[in-house]
Each structure stands twice: as C-alpha cells, then as structure tokens.
PDB file of N, CA and C in Angstrom:
ATOM      1  N   MET A   1      -5.723 101.973  50.886  1.00  0.00           N
ATOM      2  CA  MET A   1      -5.496 102.763  52.029  1.00  0.00           C
ATOM      3  C   MET A   1      -6.023 104.280  51.757  1.00  0.00           C
ATOM      4  N   GLY A   2      -5.744 104.526  50.610  1.00  0.00           N
ATOM      5  CA  GLY A   2      -6.299 105.663  50.074  1.00  0.00           C
ATOM      6  C   GLY A   2      -7.758 105.975  50.146  1.00  0.00           C
ATOM      7  N   VAL A   3      -8.553 104.878  49.998  1.00  0.00           N
ATOM      8  CA  VAL A   3     -10.079 105.010  50.287  1.00  0.00           C
ATOM      9  C   VAL A   3     -10.451 105.290  51.656  1.00  0.00           C
ATOM     10  N   PHE A   4      -9.534 104.519  52.651  1.00  0.00           N
ATOM     11  CA  PHE A   4      -9.787 104.656  53.914  1.00  0.00           C
ATOM     12  C   PHE A   4      -9.468 106.102  54.499  1.00  0.00           C
ATOM     13  N   ARG A   5      -8.368 106.851  53.874  1.00  0.00           N
ATOM     14  CA  ARG A   5      -8.202 108.212  54.302  1.00  0.00           C
ATOM     15  C   ARG A   5      -9.188 109.043  53.777  1.00  0.00           C
ATOM     16  N   ALA A   6      -9.622 108.823  52.665  1.00  0.00           N
ATOM     17  CA  ALA A   6     -10.815 109.670  52.021  1.00  0.00           C
ATOM     18  C   ALA A   6     -12.046 109.579  53.005  1.00  0.00           C
ATOM     19  N   LEU A   7     -12.366 108.349  53.334  1.00  0.00           N
ATOM     20  CA  LEU A   7     -13.433 108.210  54.120  1.00  0.00           C
ATOM     21  C   LEU A   7     -13.328 108.897  55.562  1.00  0.00           C
ATOM     22  N   LEU A   8     -12.111 108.838  56.049  1.00  0.00           N
ATOM     23  CA  LEU A   8     -11.902 109.728  57.249  1.00  0.00           C
ATOM     24  C   LEU A   8     -12.080 110.959  57.168  1.00  0.00           C
ATOM     25  N   LEU A   9     -11.548 111.540  56.166  1.00  0.00           N
ATOM     26  CA  LEU A   9     -11.578 113.007  55.775  1.00  0.00           C
ATOM     27  C   LEU A   9     -13.144 113.585  55.623  1.00  0.00           C
ATOM     28  N   LEU A  10     -13.813 112.547  54.825  1.00  0.00           N
ATOM     29  CA  LEU A  10     -15.396 112.807  54.553  1.00  0.00           C
ATOM     30  C   LEU A  10     -16.079 112.955  55.936  1.00  0.00           C
ATOM     31  N   VAL A  11     -15.815 111.954  56.678  1.00  0.00           N
ATOM     32  CA  VAL A  11     -16.390 111.951  58.057  1.00  0.00           C
ATOM     33  C   VAL A  11     -16.050 112.944  59.028  1.00  0.00           C
ATOM     34  N   LEU A  12     -14.894 113.524  58.887  1.00  0.00           N
ATOM     35  CA  LEU A  12     -14.617 114.755  59.734  1.00  0.00           C
ATOM     36  C   LEU A  12     -15.075 115.850  59.144  1.00  0.00           C
ATOM     37  N   LEU A  13     -14.965 115.993  57.824  1.00  0.00           N
ATOM     38  CA  LEU A  13     -15.819 117.128  57.188  1.00  0.00           C
ATOM     39  C   LEU A  13     -17.287 117.200  57.595  1.00  0.00           C
ATOM     40  N   ALA A  14     -18.006 115.942  57.597  1.00  0.00           N
ATOM     41  CA  ALA A  14     -19.294 116.015  57.999  1.00  0.00           C
ATOM     42  C   ALA A  14     -19.518 116.496  59.403  1.00  0.00           C
ATOM     43  N   GLY A  15     -18.515 115.953  60.260  1.00  0.00           N
ATOM     44  CA  GLY A  15     -18.753 116.469  61.668  1.00  0.00           C
ATOM     45  C   GLY A  15     -18.557 117.976  61.792  1.00  0.00           C
ATOM     46  N   ALA A  16     -17.548 118.605  61.028  1.00  0.00           N
ATOM     47  CA  ALA A  16     -17.536 120.022  60.855  1.00  0.00           C
ATOM     48  C   ALA A  16     -18.714 120.730  60.472  1.00  0.00           C
ATOM     49  N   ALA A  17     -19.294 120.132  59.471  1.00  0.00           N
ATOM     50  CA  ALA A  17     -20.622 120.637  58.905  1.00  0.00           C
ATOM     51  C   ALA A  17     -21.850 120.583  59.965  1.00  0.00           C
ATOM     52  N   CYS A  18     -21.741 119.513  60.790  1.00  0.00           N
ATOM     53  CA  CYS A  18     -22.757 119.541  61.795  1.00  0.00           C
ATOM     54  C   CYS A  18     -22.620 120.646  62.779  1.00  0.00           C
ATOM     55  N   PHE A  19     -21.232 120.863  63.160  1.00  0.00           N
ATOM     56  CA  PHE A  19     -21.128 121.996  64.076  1.00  0.00           C
ATOM     57  C   PHE A  19     -21.460 123.281  63.515  1.00  0.00           C
ATOM     58  N   VAL A  20     -21.255 123.505  62.191  1.00  0.00           N
ATOM     59  CA  VAL A  20     -21.627 124.786  61.486  1.00  0.00           C
ATOM     60  C   VAL A  20     -23.146 124.809  61.634  1.00  0.00           C
ATOM     61  N   ALA A  21     -23.870 123.846  61.385  1.00  0.00           N
ATOM     62  CA  ALA A  21     -25.404 123.753  61.356  1.00  0.00           C
ATOM     63  C   ALA A  21     -25.816 124.075  62.772  1.00  0.00           C
ATOM     64  N   TYR A  22     -25.061 123.573  63.728  1.00  0.00           N
ATOM     65  CA  TYR A  22     -25.465 123.971  65.151  1.00  0.00           C
ATOM     66  C   TYR A  22     -25.163 125.348  65.429  1.00  0.00           C
ATOM     67  N   MET A  23     -24.150 126.077  64.879  1.00  0.00           N
ATOM     68  CA  MET A  23     -23.790 127.498  65.137  1.00  0.00           C
ATOM     69  C   MET A  23     -24.896 128.281  64.568  1.00  0.00           C
ATOM     70  N   VAL A  24     -25.310 127.813  63.327  1.00  0.00           N
ATOM     71  CA  VAL A  24     -26.322 128.597  62.482  1.00  0.00           C
ATOM     72  C   VAL A  24     -27.665 128.364  63.056  1.00  0.00           C
ATOM     73  N   SER A  25     -28.248 127.340  63.424  1.00  0.00           N
ATOM     74  CA  SER A  25     -29.542 126.976  63.859  1.00  0.00           C
ATOM     75  C   SER A  25     -29.694 127.030  65.153  1.00  0.00           C
ATOM     76  N   GLY A  26     -28.753 126.786  65.952  1.00  0.00           N
ATOM     77  CA  GLY A  26     -28.857 126.653  67.429  1.00  0.00           C
ATOM     78  C   GLY A  26     -29.585 125.394  67.905  1.00  0.00           C
ATOM     79  N   GLN A  27     -29.790 124.316  67.088  1.00  0.00           N
ATOM     80  CA  GLN A  27     -30.503 123.086  67.308  1.00  0.00           C
ATOM     81  C   GLN A  27     -29.256 122.293  68.108  1.00  0.00           C
ATOM     82  N   VAL A  28     -29.626 121.693  69.265  1.00  0.00           N
ATOM     83  CA  VAL A  28     -28.568 120.978  69.963  1.00  0.00           C
ATOM     84  C   VAL A  28     -28.407 119.619  69.317  1.00  0.00           C
ATOM     85  N   ARG A  29     -29.331 119.149  68.522  1.00  0.00           N
ATOM     86  CA  ARG A  29     -29.222 117.740  67.893  1.00  0.00           C
ATOM     87  C   ARG A  29     -27.988 117.757  66.992  1.00  0.00           C
ATOM     88  N   PHE A  30     -27.768 118.860  66.337  1.00  0.00           N
ATOM     89  CA  PHE A  30     -26.578 118.994  65.370  1.00  0.00           C
ATOM     90  C   PHE A  30     -25.200 118.741  66.118  1.00  0.00           C
ATOM     91  N   ARG A  31     -25.073 119.470  67.321  1.00  0.00           N
ATOM     92  CA  ARG A  31     -24.073 119.249  68.039  1.00  0.00           C
ATOM     93  C   ARG A  31     -23.713 118.037  68.479  1.00  0.00           C
ATOM     94  N   GLY A  32     -24.811 117.190  68.939  1.00  0.00           N
ATOM     95  CA  GLY A  32     -24.736 115.837  69.244  1.00  0.00           C
ATOM     96  C   GLY A  32     -24.163 114.920  68.087  1.00  0.00           C
ATOM     97  N   TYR A  33     -24.741 115.220  66.797  1.00  0.00           N
ATOM     98  CA  TYR A  33     -24.408 114.530  65.715  1.00  0.00           C
ATOM     99  C   TYR A  33     -22.839 114.804  65.392  1.00  0.00           C
ATOM    100  N   GLY A  34     -22.485 116.120  65.589  1.00  0.00           N
ATOM    101  CA  GLY A  34     -21.113 116.309  65.273  1.00  0.00           C
ATOM    102  C   GLY A  34     -20.008 115.798  66.307  1.00  0.00           C
ATOM    103  N   LEU A  35     -20.545 115.815  67.596  1.00  0.00           N
ATOM    104  CA  LEU A  35     -19.604 115.088  68.538  1.00  0.00           C
ATOM    105  C   LEU A  35     -19.506 113.639  68.282  1.00  0.00           C
ATOM    106  N   ARG A  36     -20.475 112.886  67.932  1.00  0.00           N
ATOM    107  CA  ARG A  36     -20.470 111.520  67.471  1.00  0.00           C
ATOM    108  C   ARG A  36     -19.674 111.215  66.288  1.00  0.00           C
ATOM    109  N   LEU A  37     -19.749 112.051  65.221  1.00  0.00           N
ATOM    110  CA  LEU A  37     -18.977 111.888  64.114  1.00  0.00           C
ATOM    111  C   LEU A  37     -17.427 112.071  64.321  1.00  0.00           C
ATOM    112  N   VAL A  38     -17.119 112.894  65.020  1.00  0.00           N
ATOM    113  CA  VAL A  38     -15.667 113.433  65.335  1.00  0.00           C
ATOM    114  C   VAL A  38     -15.177 112.341  66.365  1.00  0.00           C
ATOM    115  N   ARG A  39     -15.832 111.724  67.319  1.00  0.00           N
ATOM    116  CA  ARG A  39     -15.490 110.637  68.176  1.00  0.00           C
ATOM    117  C   ARG A  39     -15.126 109.451  67.239  1.00  0.00           C
ATOM    118  N   TRP A  40     -16.113 109.018  66.564  1.00  0.00           N
ATOM    119  CA  TRP A  40     -15.814 107.745  65.738  1.00  0.00           C
ATOM    120  C   TRP A  40     -14.715 107.926  64.758  1.00  0.00           C
ATOM    121  N   THR A  41     -14.522 109.261  64.229  1.00  0.00           N
ATOM    122  CA  THR A  41     -13.244 109.547  63.159  1.00  0.00           C
ATOM    123  C   THR A  41     -12.008 109.404  64.054  1.00  0.00           C
ATOM    124  N   VAL A  42     -11.995 109.854  65.215  1.00  0.00           N
ATOM    125  CA  VAL A  42     -10.872 109.731  66.085  1.00  0.00           C
ATOM    126  C   VAL A  42     -10.423 108.087  66.266  1.00  0.00           C
ATOM    127  N   PHE A  43     -11.663 107.559  66.732  1.00  0.00           N
ATOM    128  CA  PHE A  43     -11.405 106.011  66.953  1.00  0.00           C
ATOM    129  C   PHE A  43     -10.857 105.436  65.623  1.00  0.00           C
ATOM    130  N   ALA A  44     -11.421 105.792  64.526  1.00  0.00           N
ATOM    131  CA  ALA A  44     -11.038 104.968  63.188  1.00  0.00           C
ATOM    132  C   ALA A  44      -9.647 105.492  63.081  1.00  0.00           C
ATOM    133  N   GLY A  45      -9.228 106.682  63.136  1.00  0.00           N
ATOM    134  CA  GLY A  45      -7.858 107.206  62.815  1.00  0.00           C
ATOM    135  C   GLY A  45      -7.002 106.384  63.668  1.00  0.00           C
ATOM    136  N   LEU A  46      -7.188 106.315  64.936  1.00  0.00           N
ATOM    137  CA  LEU A  46      -6.148 105.557  65.935  1.00  0.00           C
ATOM    138  C   LEU A  46      -6.160 104.089  65.495  1.00  0.00           C
ATOM    139  N   ALA A  47      -7.231 103.493  64.956  1.00  0.00           N
ATOM    140  CA  ALA A  47      -7.112 102.179  64.531  1.00  0.00           C
ATOM    141  C   ALA A  47      -6.308 101.967  63.253  1.00  0.00           C
ATOM    142  N   PHE A  48      -6.522 102.925  62.485  1.00  0.00           N
ATOM    143  CA  PHE A  48      -5.752 103.113  61.301  1.00  0.00           C
ATOM    144  C   PHE A  48      -4.340 103.209  61.380  1.00  0.00           C
ATOM    145  N   PHE A  49      -4.019 104.097  62.303  1.00  0.00           N
ATOM    146  CA  PHE A  49      -2.396 104.081  62.671  1.00  0.00           C
ATOM    147  C   PHE A  49      -1.854 103.031  63.428  1.00  0.00           C
ATOM    148  N   ALA A  50      -2.791 102.271  64.229  1.00  0.00           N
ATOM    149  CA  ALA A  50      -2.266 101.058  64.948  1.00  0.00           C
ATOM    150  C   ALA A  50      -2.070 100.022  63.883  1.00  0.00           C
ATOM    151  N   VAL A  51      -2.777  99.857  62.892  1.00  0.00           N
ATOM    152  CA  VAL A  51      -2.643  98.915  61.706  1.00  0.00           C
ATOM    153  C   VAL A  51      -1.324  99.247  60.885  1.00  0.00           C
ATOM    154  N   LEU A  52      -1.026 100.604  60.747  1.00  0.00           N
ATOM    155  CA  LEU A  52       0.263 100.905  60.048  1.00  0.00           C
ATOM    156  C   LEU A  52       1.421 100.571  60.848  1.00  0.00           C
ATOM    157  N   ILE A  53       1.397 100.776  62.211  1.00  0.00           N
ATOM    158  CA  ILE A  53       2.592 100.579  63.015  1.00  0.00           C
ATOM    159  C   ILE A  53       2.831  99.166  63.135  1.00  0.00           C
ATOM    160  N   ALA A  54       1.625  98.358  63.295  1.00  0.00           N
ATOM    161  CA  ALA A  54       1.911  96.734  63.311  1.00  0.00           C
ATOM    162  C   ALA A  54       2.494  96.148  61.946  1.00  0.00           C
ATOM    163  N   GLN A  55       1.962  96.798  60.867  1.00  0.00           N
ATOM    164  CA  GLN A  55       2.468  96.603  59.660  1.00  0.00           C
ATOM    165  C   GLN A  55       4.058  96.679  59.486  1.00  0.00           C
ATOM    166  N   ARG A  56       4.462  97.988  59.825  1.00  0.00           N
ATOM    167  CA  ARG A  56       5.831  98.202  60.095  1.00  0.00           C
ATOM    168  C   ARG A  56       6.639  97.404  61.003  1.00  0.00           C
ATOM    169  N   MET A  57       6.082  96.967  61.984  1.00  0.00           N
ATOM    170  CA  MET A  57       6.827  96.096  62.914  1.00  0.00           C
ATOM    171  C   MET A  57       7.020  94.756  62.434  1.00  0.00           C
ATOM    172  N   VAL A  58       5.993  94.239  61.674  1.00  0.00           N
ATOM    173  CA  VAL A  58       6.034  92.967  61.115  1.00  0.00           C
ATOM    174  C   VAL A  58       7.094  92.976  59.981  1.00  0.00           C
ATOM    175  N   GLU A  59       7.165  93.946  59.103  1.00  0.00           N
ATOM    176  CA  GLU A  59       8.038  94.024  58.075  1.00  0.00           C
ATOM    177  C   GLU A  59       9.520  94.142  58.434  1.00  0.00           C
ATOM    178  N   SER A  60       9.675  94.925  59.822  1.00  0.00           N
ATOM    179  CA  SER A  60      11.111  95.002  60.135  1.00  0.00           C
ATOM    180  C   SER A  60      11.618  93.742  60.765  1.00  0.00           C
ATOM    181  N   TRP A  61      10.876  92.830  61.099  1.00  0.00           N
ATOM    182  CA  TRP A  61      11.358  91.565  61.673  1.00  0.00           C
ATOM    183  C   TRP A  61      11.759  90.791  60.502  1.00  0.00           C
TER     184      TRP A  61
END
C-alpha cells in the first residue's frame, strides 16, 4: 500500500511540474499533460479509497 501511495504522490508531483513548465514556457502541450496526469491521479486515488472502504466493510462482517 505504501508503494501505491508513493506512486500517486509522484504522479501528482509530475502533474504539478507540467503546470510549472506550462507557466514558464507558455507551451499548451504541458498544460494538457498536466491535466491528464492530475485526472488519472484522481481516478487512481478514488479507486484506492474504494478498495480501502471495501476491505473495511469485509473485515467488519
């Protein structure tokens, strides 16, 4: 689980770096990369929490 959290953090930081690159260079492609990375990070985070909730529900029964 720690590895998954670290990967989520790294992808989120990569998205932030893309937004910084967009602000510095003004190239629109970096904004697109950043939006895609953040979108997939949010989806992965939601899936991660769904698995955690499912595990707790199974353990409580």
